[in-house]
């Protein structure tokens, strides 16, 4: 470990960058690893996702495409106080998101010359919810609600499978998805999940 002692020194931003160099090698290695994981999913699909789940999440033989029954079960067992907090968060984020949607604008620039600007949502999106040592139902809300308000028709959600949940996504994440009406959910994590969203996985019905 290298120790850099900057006590008692007044440094400009450029001096600070010079004194504390960015971890360029570590960043390059991380990007290279992520690219290889994504490419593996593109080439081998579900097989690659399952190998990655075993390697990174200590999970095997899990259901990558989450059955709707798992979502319903998570929602039915959600603690009332947690459900109330999630519903209030959804309400607030929906209001804030709606305020950001631009209205159509018409500009008349001459006789018979009209420009109309319209903001159209994409047809389909994939949202990724981190997992691991912490649970982030707020990420479900902050990703899904703006997409719904914008008018996105299809929303797919991915989050890592959890070894302590028998290979399922954490139930609070599933319950948040259920509250928002999201039923296309995948138990897959990290760069592999992004690769699956980007390239599709035929065996999972993900396209």
Protein backbone atom coordinates (compact mmCIF):
# COMPACT_ATOMS: atom_id res chain seq x y z
CA UNK A 1 0.00 0.00 0.00
CA UNK A 2 1.28 3.44 -0.94
CA UNK A 3 0.74 6.31 1.55
CA UNK A 4 0.51 9.88 0.24
CA UNK A 5 0.81 12.51 2.98
CA UNK A 6 -0.77 15.83 1.96
CA UNK A 7 -1.07 17.36 5.40
CA UNK A 8 -0.11 21.03 5.59
CA UNK A 9 -0.11 21.51 1.84
CA UNK A 10 -2.40 23.77 -0.18
CA UNK A 11 -2.93 22.14 -3.55
CA UNK A 12 -4.67 23.36 -6.67
CA UNK A 13 -6.92 20.86 -8.49
CA UNK A 14 -4.12 20.12 -10.96
CA UNK A 15 -1.63 19.64 -8.14
CA UNK A 16 -4.07 17.27 -6.43
CA UNK A 17 -4.44 15.19 -9.58
CA UNK A 18 -0.70 14.99 -9.93
CA UNK A 19 -0.22 14.03 -6.28
CA UNK A 20 -3.04 11.46 -6.24
CA UNK A 21 -3.06 9.79 -9.65
CA UNK A 22 -6.20 8.06 -10.84
CA UNK A 23 -6.21 4.29 -10.75
CA UNK A 24 -6.04 4.01 -14.52
CA UNK A 25 -4.73 0.46 -14.55
CA UNK A 26 -7.43 -0.80 -12.19
CA UNK A 27 -10.09 0.98 -14.25
CA UNK A 28 -8.79 -0.52 -17.48
CA UNK A 29 -8.75 -3.99 -15.94
CA UNK A 30 -12.32 -3.58 -14.66
CA UNK A 31 -13.56 -2.44 -18.07
CA UNK A 32 -11.79 -5.33 -19.77
CA UNK A 33 -13.32 -7.85 -17.36
CA UNK A 34 -16.80 -6.37 -17.82
CA UNK A 35 -16.43 -6.46 -21.60
CA UNK A 36 -15.47 -10.15 -21.51
CA UNK A 37 -18.48 -10.96 -19.29
CA UNK A 38 -20.84 -9.15 -21.64
CA UNK A 39 -19.36 -10.87 -24.68
CA UNK A 40 -19.71 -14.26 -22.97
CA UNK A 41 -23.43 -13.62 -22.45
CA UNK A 42 -23.80 -12.52 -26.07
CA UNK A 43 -22.21 -15.74 -27.27
CA UNK A 44 -23.54 -18.32 -24.79
CA UNK A 45 -26.66 -16.73 -23.32
CA UNK A 46 -28.24 -18.45 -20.33
CA UNK A 47 -25.34 -20.86 -19.86
CA UNK A 48 -22.99 -17.93 -19.32
CA UNK A 49 -25.44 -16.24 -16.93
CA UNK A 50 -25.69 -19.40 -14.83
CA UNK A 51 -21.92 -19.81 -14.69
CA UNK A 52 -21.57 -16.18 -13.63
CA UNK A 53 -24.23 -16.63 -10.93
CA UNK A 54 -22.29 -19.57 -9.52
CA UNK A 55 -19.00 -17.67 -9.69
CA UNK A 56 -20.09 -14.30 -8.34
CA UNK A 57 -23.23 -15.03 -6.31
CA UNK A 58 -22.67 -18.62 -5.11
CA UNK A 59 -26.01 -19.59 -6.66
CA UNK A 60 -26.82 -22.60 -8.82
CA UNK A 61 -29.96 -24.10 -10.38
CA UNK A 62 -32.02 -20.97 -9.77
CA UNK A 63 -34.83 -19.61 -11.91
CA UNK A 64 -33.31 -16.82 -13.96
CA UNK A 65 -36.70 -15.69 -15.31
CA UNK A 66 -38.56 -14.98 -12.10
CA UNK A 67 -42.04 -16.56 -11.94
CA UNK A 68 -44.83 -14.11 -11.19
CA UNK A 69 -45.73 -16.31 -8.21
CA UNK A 70 -42.43 -15.30 -6.56
CA UNK A 71 -43.34 -11.63 -6.98
CA UNK A 72 -46.81 -12.19 -5.56
CA UNK A 73 -45.37 -14.12 -2.61
CA UNK A 74 -42.88 -11.35 -1.84
CA UNK A 75 -45.64 -8.77 -1.97
CA UNK A 76 -47.93 -10.77 0.30
CA UNK A 77 -45.24 -11.15 2.96
CA UNK A 78 -44.00 -7.55 2.85
CA UNK A 79 -44.12 -5.89 6.26
CA UNK A 80 -46.97 -3.31 6.40
CA UNK A 81 -44.67 -0.48 7.48
CA UNK A 82 -42.25 -1.23 4.62
CA UNK A 83 -45.11 -1.38 2.14
CA UNK A 84 -46.44 1.95 3.39
CA UNK A 85 -42.99 3.55 3.03
CA UNK A 86 -42.55 2.18 -0.48
CA UNK A 87 -45.99 3.34 -1.57
CA UNK A 88 -45.30 6.85 -0.27
CA UNK A 89 -41.95 6.91 -2.06
CA UNK A 90 -43.66 5.80 -5.27
CA UNK A 91 -46.24 8.57 -4.91
CA UNK A 92 -43.60 11.25 -4.42
CA UNK A 93 -41.33 10.08 -7.23
CA UNK A 94 -44.30 9.84 -9.58
CA UNK A 95 -45.27 13.44 -8.84
CA UNK A 96 -41.70 14.68 -9.28
CA UNK A 97 -41.22 12.71 -12.49
CA UNK A 98 -44.48 13.97 -14.00
CA UNK A 99 -43.32 17.54 -13.43
CA UNK A 100 -40.28 16.87 -15.63
CA UNK A 101 -42.11 15.59 -18.70
CA UNK A 102 -41.94 18.34 -21.36
CA UNK A 103 -45.15 19.49 -22.99
CA UNK A 104 -45.37 19.37 -26.79
CA UNK A 105 -44.35 22.68 -28.36
CA UNK A 106 -45.60 24.18 -31.61
CA UNK A 107 -43.63 26.95 -33.33
CA UNK A 108 -45.10 28.81 -36.30
CA UNK A 109 -42.29 30.20 -38.40
CA UNK A 110 -44.29 31.42 -41.39
CA UNK A 111 -47.39 30.96 -43.49
CA UNK A 112 -48.10 27.23 -43.51
CA UNK A 113 -44.78 26.52 -41.82
CA UNK A 114 -45.17 24.87 -38.44
CA UNK A 115 -42.65 22.98 -36.33
CA UNK A 116 -44.02 20.61 -33.71
CA UNK A 117 -41.73 19.20 -31.05
CA UNK A 118 -42.88 16.05 -29.28
CA UNK A 119 -41.00 13.94 -26.75
CA UNK A 120 -41.68 10.26 -27.36
CA UNK A 121 -40.76 7.48 -24.88
CA UNK A 122 -38.77 4.46 -26.00
CA UNK A 123 -40.85 1.30 -26.35
CA UNK A 124 -38.89 -0.92 -23.97
CA UNK A 125 -36.29 -0.49 -21.22
CA UNK A 126 -34.24 -2.69 -18.92
CA UNK A 127 -33.48 -1.49 -15.39
CA UNK A 128 -30.77 -2.89 -13.16
CA UNK A 129 -31.10 -3.03 -9.37
CA UNK A 130 -27.87 -3.69 -7.44
CA UNK A 131 -27.72 -6.47 -4.90
CA UNK A 132 -25.22 -8.01 -2.54
CA UNK A 133 -24.65 -6.78 0.98
CA UNK A 134 -27.43 -4.17 0.86
CA UNK A 135 -31.00 -4.04 -0.44
CA UNK A 136 -32.04 -1.16 -2.70
CA UNK A 137 -35.83 -1.05 -3.22
CA UNK A 138 -35.39 2.71 -3.72
CA UNK A 139 -33.48 1.90 -6.91
CA UNK A 140 -36.53 0.02 -8.18
CA UNK A 141 -38.68 3.10 -7.61
CA UNK A 142 -36.17 5.61 -8.98
CA UNK A 143 -35.69 3.59 -12.18
CA UNK A 144 -39.17 2.24 -12.86
CA UNK A 145 -41.41 5.18 -11.94
CA UNK A 146 -39.79 7.73 -14.32
CA UNK A 147 -40.02 5.20 -17.14
CA UNK A 148 -43.70 4.59 -16.40
CA UNK A 149 -44.43 8.32 -16.21
CA UNK A 150 -42.64 8.84 -19.53
CA UNK A 151 -44.94 6.27 -21.10
CA UNK A 152 -42.56 3.35 -21.62
CA UNK A 153 -44.71 0.33 -22.47
CA UNK A 154 -42.40 -2.52 -21.47
CA UNK A 155 -40.09 -2.55 -18.46
CA UNK A 156 -37.80 -5.46 -17.62
CA UNK A 157 -35.97 -5.58 -14.30
CA UNK A 158 -32.83 -7.46 -13.29
CA UNK A 159 -31.21 -7.93 -9.89
CA UNK A 160 -28.67 -10.49 -8.66
CA UNK A 161 -29.85 -13.82 -7.21
CA UNK A 162 -29.17 -14.12 -3.49
CA UNK A 163 -27.59 -17.22 -1.98
CA UNK A 164 -29.36 -16.64 1.34
CA UNK A 165 -32.71 -16.46 -0.48
CA UNK A 166 -32.32 -19.80 -2.24
CA UNK A 167 -31.26 -18.17 -5.48
CA UNK A 168 -34.15 -15.74 -5.58
CA UNK A 169 -33.91 -11.98 -5.81
CA UNK A 170 -34.28 -10.32 -2.41
CA UNK A 171 -38.00 -10.31 -1.53
CA UNK A 172 -38.11 -6.56 -0.85
CA UNK A 173 -36.85 -5.91 -4.38
CA UNK A 174 -39.48 -8.28 -5.77
CA UNK A 175 -42.19 -6.65 -3.65
CA UNK A 176 -41.24 -3.19 -4.92
CA UNK A 177 -41.48 -4.51 -8.47
CA UNK A 178 -44.88 -5.97 -7.63
CA UNK A 179 -46.14 -2.68 -6.25
CA UNK A 180 -45.21 -1.05 -9.56
CA UNK A 181 -46.76 -3.78 -11.69
CA UNK A 182 -43.46 -4.99 -13.13
CA UNK A 183 -43.74 -8.70 -13.91
CA UNK A 184 -40.79 -9.23 -16.28
CA UNK A 185 -38.03 -9.83 -13.75
CA UNK A 186 -34.71 -11.66 -14.08
CA UNK A 187 -32.41 -12.99 -11.37
CA UNK A 188 -29.10 -12.02 -12.92
CA UNK A 189 -26.42 -9.62 -11.84
CA UNK A 190 -23.54 -7.39 -12.82
CA UNK A 191 -22.20 -6.94 -16.31
CA UNK A 192 -23.86 -10.21 -17.33
CA UNK A 193 -27.29 -8.71 -16.73
CA UNK A 194 -26.41 -5.68 -18.83
CA UNK A 195 -25.19 -7.98 -21.58
CA UNK A 196 -28.44 -9.94 -21.45
CA UNK A 197 -30.46 -6.75 -21.79
CA UNK A 198 -28.28 -5.53 -24.64
CA UNK A 199 -28.22 -8.72 -26.72
CA UNK A 200 -31.18 -10.73 -25.48
CA UNK A 201 -31.32 -14.33 -24.29
CA UNK A 202 -33.63 -16.48 -26.40
CA UNK A 203 -34.00 -19.30 -23.88
CA UNK A 204 -35.35 -16.82 -21.32
CA UNK A 205 -37.70 -15.08 -23.73
CA UNK A 206 -35.62 -11.95 -23.33
CA UNK A 207 -35.30 -9.95 -26.54
